[in-house]
Amino acid sequence: MVSMLDVRALSKTFRVDGKRHGDPDPRQRAGLFHALRPVSFTAPQGGIVGVLGPNGAGKTTLLRLLSTALRPSSGTAMLDGVDLVADPREARRRMGFLSGSTGVYGRLTGREMVQYFGRLHRVAEPVLARRIDELFALLRIGSAADRRCDTLSTGMKQKVSIARTLVHDPDVLILDEPTTGLDILSAQVIVELIARYREQGKTVLLATHHIHEVEQLCDRLVVLQGGEVCFTGTASQLRERSEKGRLDDALLATLLRHAEVTRAA
């Protein structure tokens, strides 16, 4: 299978002022916080890679590095032959990034919001109009397309944000918890859209806390804890770590084992 994204020893270290009170983190040493230790993995074309781990594990840092919103302390990643560090502008042209804090402009309608980002990506006007109609139909946005974003529900705002992420038809989608806080109907629409994009040969990185989404969508997994990778492989390979054969049990066991090793080191 062709590799669309090749992550090569990507890491991020931040400078901090003193220790954080009440939160002794082993990643913090001598005024440095190692948010992400060197991470390496590949994401195939037409595949979905789940990025899993507890809060603070480094998932968002990893996705922000891959989106070029952050510059790595070391390492790089290749997106279909494009070096994300050396040529971030070209990399951004080929990807769509939905962060966990992606917002909408309240005074714009949903349609105006997506048009704005499509024009930033220099999508030709006839193509842009068609893309918006297609995306709004797939996401079941309906009449909300022409309402101001500050009047929309949380789920509808997220759908508009996802349409904004996809409007330029990127090869790689980087999605940070796209269904968090959504009702079951809105979440299912987004899950179906992610599956559809895989069928079109797109590559998807999906950070999620929802095990059912992992089981339904993900071809491979990257599990992070404390800024380090503690598992890479398929869901079936991770499931083998559980005596019950359950993915949630196996994930918990992997995280606990890694935490014990880290404390003992």
Protein backbone atom coordinates (compact mmCIF):
# COMPACT_ATOMS: atom_id res chain seq x y z
CA MET A 1 0.00 0.00 0.00
CA VAL A 2 1.33 3.46 -0.94
CA SER A 3 2.37 5.66 1.99
CA MET A 4 0.80 9.12 1.77
CA LEU A 5 2.22 10.42 5.07
CA ASP A 6 5.59 9.40 6.49
CA VAL A 7 6.28 10.77 9.99
CA ARG A 8 9.98 10.73 10.83
CA ALA A 9 11.12 11.18 14.46
CA LEU A 10 8.86 14.19 14.95
CA SER A 11 9.22 15.86 18.37
CA LYS A 12 8.29 19.07 20.19
CA THR A 13 9.87 20.63 23.27
CA PHE A 14 8.68 23.81 24.95
CA ARG A 15 10.56 26.05 27.37
CA VAL A 16 8.75 26.52 30.68
CA ASP A 17 9.31 28.71 33.74
CA GLY A 18 9.76 26.49 36.78
CA LYS A 19 7.74 23.45 37.77
CA ARG A 20 3.98 23.45 37.55
CA HIS A 21 2.56 23.24 41.05
CA GLY A 22 0.82 20.00 41.93
CA ASP A 23 1.57 18.35 38.58
CA PRO A 24 4.94 16.57 38.66
CA ASP A 25 5.34 15.57 35.03
CA PRO A 26 8.35 13.39 34.16
CA ARG A 27 8.54 15.11 30.76
CA GLN A 28 9.54 18.39 32.42
CA ARG A 29 13.24 18.73 33.14
CA ALA A 30 15.51 21.76 33.57
CA GLY A 31 13.00 24.27 32.27
CA LEU A 32 11.96 22.14 29.29
CA PHE A 33 8.69 20.36 28.64
CA HIS A 34 8.93 17.48 26.18
CA ALA A 35 5.39 17.56 24.85
CA LEU A 36 6.19 14.97 22.19
CA ARG A 37 9.13 12.58 22.10
CA PRO A 38 10.34 11.43 18.65
CA VAL A 39 7.34 9.86 16.90
CA SER A 40 7.56 7.80 13.71
CA PHE A 41 4.80 6.08 11.74
CA THR A 42 3.31 5.93 8.27
CA ALA A 43 -0.23 6.55 7.06
CA PRO A 44 -1.24 4.79 3.85
CA GLN A 45 -3.15 6.30 0.97
CA GLY A 46 -6.80 5.39 1.42
CA GLY A 47 -6.31 4.56 5.11
CA ILE A 48 -7.48 5.95 8.43
CA VAL A 49 -4.96 6.15 11.29
CA GLY A 50 -6.46 6.57 14.75
CA VAL A 51 -4.44 8.68 17.19
CA LEU A 52 -5.38 7.56 20.70
CA GLY A 53 -4.37 8.35 24.26
CA PRO A 54 -5.53 10.15 27.40
CA ASN A 55 -5.79 13.92 27.71
CA GLY A 56 -2.30 15.44 27.73
CA ALA A 57 -0.76 12.50 25.90
CA GLY A 58 0.50 14.61 23.00
CA LYS A 59 -2.22 13.92 20.43
CA THR A 60 -3.07 17.54 19.71
CA THR A 61 0.61 18.51 19.64
CA LEU A 62 1.25 15.78 17.06
CA LEU A 63 -1.65 16.88 14.87
CA ARG A 64 -0.68 20.55 15.12
CA LEU A 65 2.86 19.66 14.05
CA LEU A 66 1.55 17.72 11.08
CA SER A 67 -0.77 20.57 10.14
CA THR A 68 2.27 22.95 10.21
CA ALA A 69 0.54 25.09 12.87
CA LEU A 70 3.59 24.27 15.04
CA ARG A 71 7.19 23.85 13.97
CA PRO A 72 8.86 20.68 15.32
CA SER A 73 11.91 20.74 17.58
CA SER A 74 13.31 17.85 15.57
CA GLY A 75 12.29 15.47 12.84
CA THR A 76 9.92 16.02 9.96
CA ALA A 77 7.15 14.37 7.96
CA MET A 78 6.72 13.78 4.25
CA LEU A 79 3.30 14.28 2.69
CA ASP A 80 3.28 12.60 -0.72
CA GLY A 81 6.92 13.63 -1.16
CA VAL A 82 6.50 17.14 0.28
CA ASP A 83 8.58 17.94 3.37
CA LEU A 84 6.28 19.58 5.93
CA VAL A 85 9.14 21.50 7.54
CA ALA A 86 10.91 22.61 4.36
CA ASP A 87 7.75 23.48 2.38
CA PRO A 88 4.84 24.06 4.80
CA ARG A 89 2.84 26.14 2.31
CA GLU A 90 2.67 23.33 -0.25
CA ALA A 91 1.88 20.85 2.52
CA ARG A 92 -1.04 22.98 3.71
CA ARG A 93 -2.37 23.11 0.16
CA ARG A 94 -2.68 19.32 0.19
CA MET A 95 -4.23 18.87 3.63
CA GLY A 96 -7.30 19.82 5.60
CA PHE A 97 -6.96 20.41 9.34
CA LEU A 98 -9.81 20.45 11.84
CA SER A 99 -8.47 21.37 15.27
CA GLY A 100 -10.26 20.69 18.52
CA SER A 101 -10.86 24.42 18.86
CA THR A 102 -11.88 25.23 15.29
CA GLY A 103 -14.40 28.04 15.42
CA VAL A 104 -16.70 29.82 13.00
CA TYR A 105 -17.21 33.50 12.26
CA GLY A 106 -20.51 34.35 13.89
CA ARG A 107 -21.48 37.13 11.50
CA LEU A 108 -21.05 34.96 8.41
CA THR A 109 -23.55 32.38 7.23
CA GLY A 110 -22.38 28.80 6.90
CA ARG A 111 -22.16 29.20 3.14
CA GLU A 112 -20.20 32.46 3.41
CA MET A 113 -17.82 30.84 5.89
CA VAL A 114 -16.96 27.96 3.56
CA GLN A 115 -16.78 30.28 0.53
CA TYR A 116 -14.25 32.43 2.37
CA PHE A 117 -11.92 29.50 3.05
CA GLY A 118 -12.40 28.12 -0.45
CA ARG A 119 -11.25 31.43 -1.88
CA LEU A 120 -8.25 31.47 0.47
CA HIS A 121 -7.33 28.12 -1.11
CA ARG A 122 -7.89 29.69 -4.55
CA VAL A 123 -10.60 27.25 -5.56
CA ALA A 124 -12.13 28.45 -8.84
CA GLU A 125 -15.59 29.97 -8.34
CA PRO A 126 -17.59 27.43 -10.43
CA VAL A 127 -15.79 24.55 -8.69
CA LEU A 128 -16.24 26.20 -5.30
CA ALA A 129 -20.00 26.56 -5.73
CA ARG A 130 -20.29 22.91 -6.71
CA ARG A 131 -18.05 21.75 -3.84
CA ILE A 132 -20.08 23.67 -1.28
CA ASP A 133 -23.36 22.20 -2.54
CA GLU A 134 -21.90 18.68 -2.45
CA LEU A 135 -20.44 19.05 1.05
CA PHE A 136 -23.55 20.64 2.51
CA ALA A 137 -25.63 17.79 1.07
CA LEU A 138 -23.28 15.13 2.48
CA LEU A 139 -23.23 16.82 5.88
CA ARG A 140 -27.00 17.39 5.83
CA ILE A 141 -26.64 21.07 6.61
CA GLY A 142 -29.84 22.01 4.76
CA SER A 143 -31.36 25.44 5.38
CA ALA A 144 -28.76 26.18 8.07
CA ALA A 145 -26.34 26.94 5.21
CA ASP A 146 -27.80 30.43 4.89
CA ARG A 147 -28.15 31.24 8.59
CA ARG A 148 -25.57 33.19 10.55
CA CYS A 149 -23.11 30.90 12.31
CA ASP A 150 -23.79 32.48 15.71
CA THR A 151 -27.36 31.13 15.50
CA LEU A 152 -26.35 27.55 14.73
CA SER A 153 -26.29 24.60 17.13
CA THR A 154 -22.99 23.09 18.26
CA GLY A 155 -23.43 20.18 15.87
CA MET A 156 -24.23 22.42 12.91
CA LYS A 157 -21.25 24.66 13.64
CA GLN A 158 -19.04 21.59 13.60
CA LYS A 159 -20.48 20.49 10.27
CA VAL A 160 -19.69 23.92 8.81
CA SER A 161 -16.15 23.67 10.21
CA ILE A 162 -15.73 20.28 8.56
CA ALA A 163 -17.03 21.63 5.25
CA ARG A 164 -14.45 24.41 5.57
CA THR A 165 -11.76 21.76 6.16
CA LEU A 166 -12.74 19.81 3.04
CA VAL A 167 -13.67 22.55 0.60
CA HIS A 168 -10.37 22.44 -1.35
CA ASP A 169 -10.55 18.62 -1.71
CA PRO A 170 -7.33 17.83 0.23
CA ASP A 171 -5.43 14.56 -0.07
CA VAL A 172 -4.89 14.28 3.70
CA LEU A 173 -7.40 15.05 6.46
CA ILE A 174 -6.19 15.75 10.00
CA LEU A 175 -9.15 15.64 12.38
CA ASP A 176 -8.83 16.37 16.10
CA GLU A 177 -11.84 14.84 17.88
CA PRO A 178 -14.39 15.86 15.22
CA THR A 179 -17.40 14.31 17.01
CA THR A 180 -16.71 15.36 20.61
CA GLY A 181 -19.76 16.99 22.19
CA LEU A 182 -22.09 16.12 19.31
CA ASP A 183 -25.39 14.28 19.50
CA ILE A 184 -25.55 10.78 18.05
CA LEU A 185 -27.13 11.88 14.75
CA SER A 186 -24.61 14.63 14.03
CA ALA A 187 -21.73 12.36 15.03
CA GLN A 188 -22.92 9.59 12.71
CA VAL A 189 -23.10 11.98 9.74
CA ILE A 190 -19.46 12.91 10.33
CA VAL A 191 -18.38 9.27 10.76
CA GLU A 192 -20.08 8.39 7.47
CA LEU A 193 -18.31 11.27 5.73
CA ILE A 194 -14.91 10.13 7.03
CA ALA A 195 -15.58 6.61 5.75
CA ARG A 196 -16.62 8.04 2.38
CA TYR A 197 -13.37 9.95 2.05
CA ARG A 198 -11.35 6.82 2.73
CA GLU A 199 -13.22 5.12 -0.11
CA GLN A 200 -12.08 7.99 -2.34
CA GLY A 201 -8.45 7.20 -1.54
CA LYS A 202 -7.93 9.99 0.98
CA THR A 203 -5.65 9.59 4.00
CA VAL A 204 -7.15 10.45 7.38
CA LEU A 205 -5.56 11.02 10.79
CA LEU A 206 -8.29 10.85 13.41
CA ALA A 207 -7.77 11.72 17.07
CA THR A 208 -10.69 10.41 19.09
CA HIS A 209 -11.67 9.13 22.53
CA HIS A 210 -14.56 7.09 21.12
CA ILE A 211 -13.65 3.39 20.86
CA HIS A 212 -16.65 2.61 18.65
CA GLU A 213 -15.33 5.11 16.08
CA VAL A 214 -11.93 3.43 16.22
CA GLU A 215 -13.46 0.02 15.60
CA GLN A 216 -15.71 1.31 12.83
CA LEU A 217 -13.15 3.42 10.96
CA CYS A 218 -9.48 2.92 11.75
CA ASP A 219 -7.09 0.73 9.77
CA ARG A 220 -4.09 1.46 12.00
CA LEU A 221 -3.54 3.00 15.43
CA VAL A 222 -0.94 5.19 17.08
CA VAL A 223 -1.29 5.24 20.88
CA LEU A 224 0.40 8.03 22.82
CA GLN A 225 1.01 8.55 26.52
CA GLY A 226 3.21 11.13 28.17
CA GLY A 227 4.37 12.36 24.79
CA GLU A 228 5.65 8.93 23.78
CA VAL A 229 4.38 6.23 21.45
CA CYS A 230 3.40 3.12 23.37
CA PHE A 231 1.76 1.23 20.48
CA THR A 232 1.55 1.30 16.71
CA GLY A 233 -0.27 -1.33 14.68
CA THR A 234 -3.73 -2.49 13.73
CA ALA A 235 -6.77 -2.61 16.00
CA SER A 236 -6.61 -6.42 15.84
CA GLN A 237 -3.02 -6.38 17.06
CA LEU A 238 -3.92 -4.11 19.95
CA ARG A 239 -6.95 -6.22 20.81
CA GLU A 240 -4.66 -9.23 21.29
CA ARG A 241 -3.33 -7.51 24.42
CA SER A 242 -6.66 -8.05 26.15
CA GLU A 243 -7.64 -11.44 27.57
CA LYS A 244 -11.24 -10.55 26.78
CA GLY A 245 -10.37 -9.53 23.22
CA ARG A 246 -11.86 -6.08 23.79
CA LEU A 247 -10.25 -3.01 22.30
CA ASP A 248 -11.04 -0.73 25.26
CA ASP A 249 -9.51 -3.21 27.72
CA ALA A 250 -6.43 -3.60 25.54
CA LEU A 251 -5.99 0.17 25.25
CA LEU A 252 -6.27 0.63 29.01
CA ALA A 253 -3.81 -2.20 29.67
CA THR A 254 -1.32 -0.70 27.22
CA LEU A 255 -1.54 2.73 28.85
CA LEU A 256 -1.19 1.33 32.37
CA ARG A 257 1.79 -0.80 31.39
CA HIS A 258 3.52 2.15 29.78
CA ALA A 259 2.86 4.32 32.85
CA GLU A 260 4.43 1.66 35.10
CA VAL A 261 7.52 1.42 32.90
CA THR A 262 7.86 5.22 32.86
CA ARG A 263 7.64 5.47 36.66
CA ALA A 264 10.22 2.71 37.09
CA ALA A 265 12.69 4.32 34.66
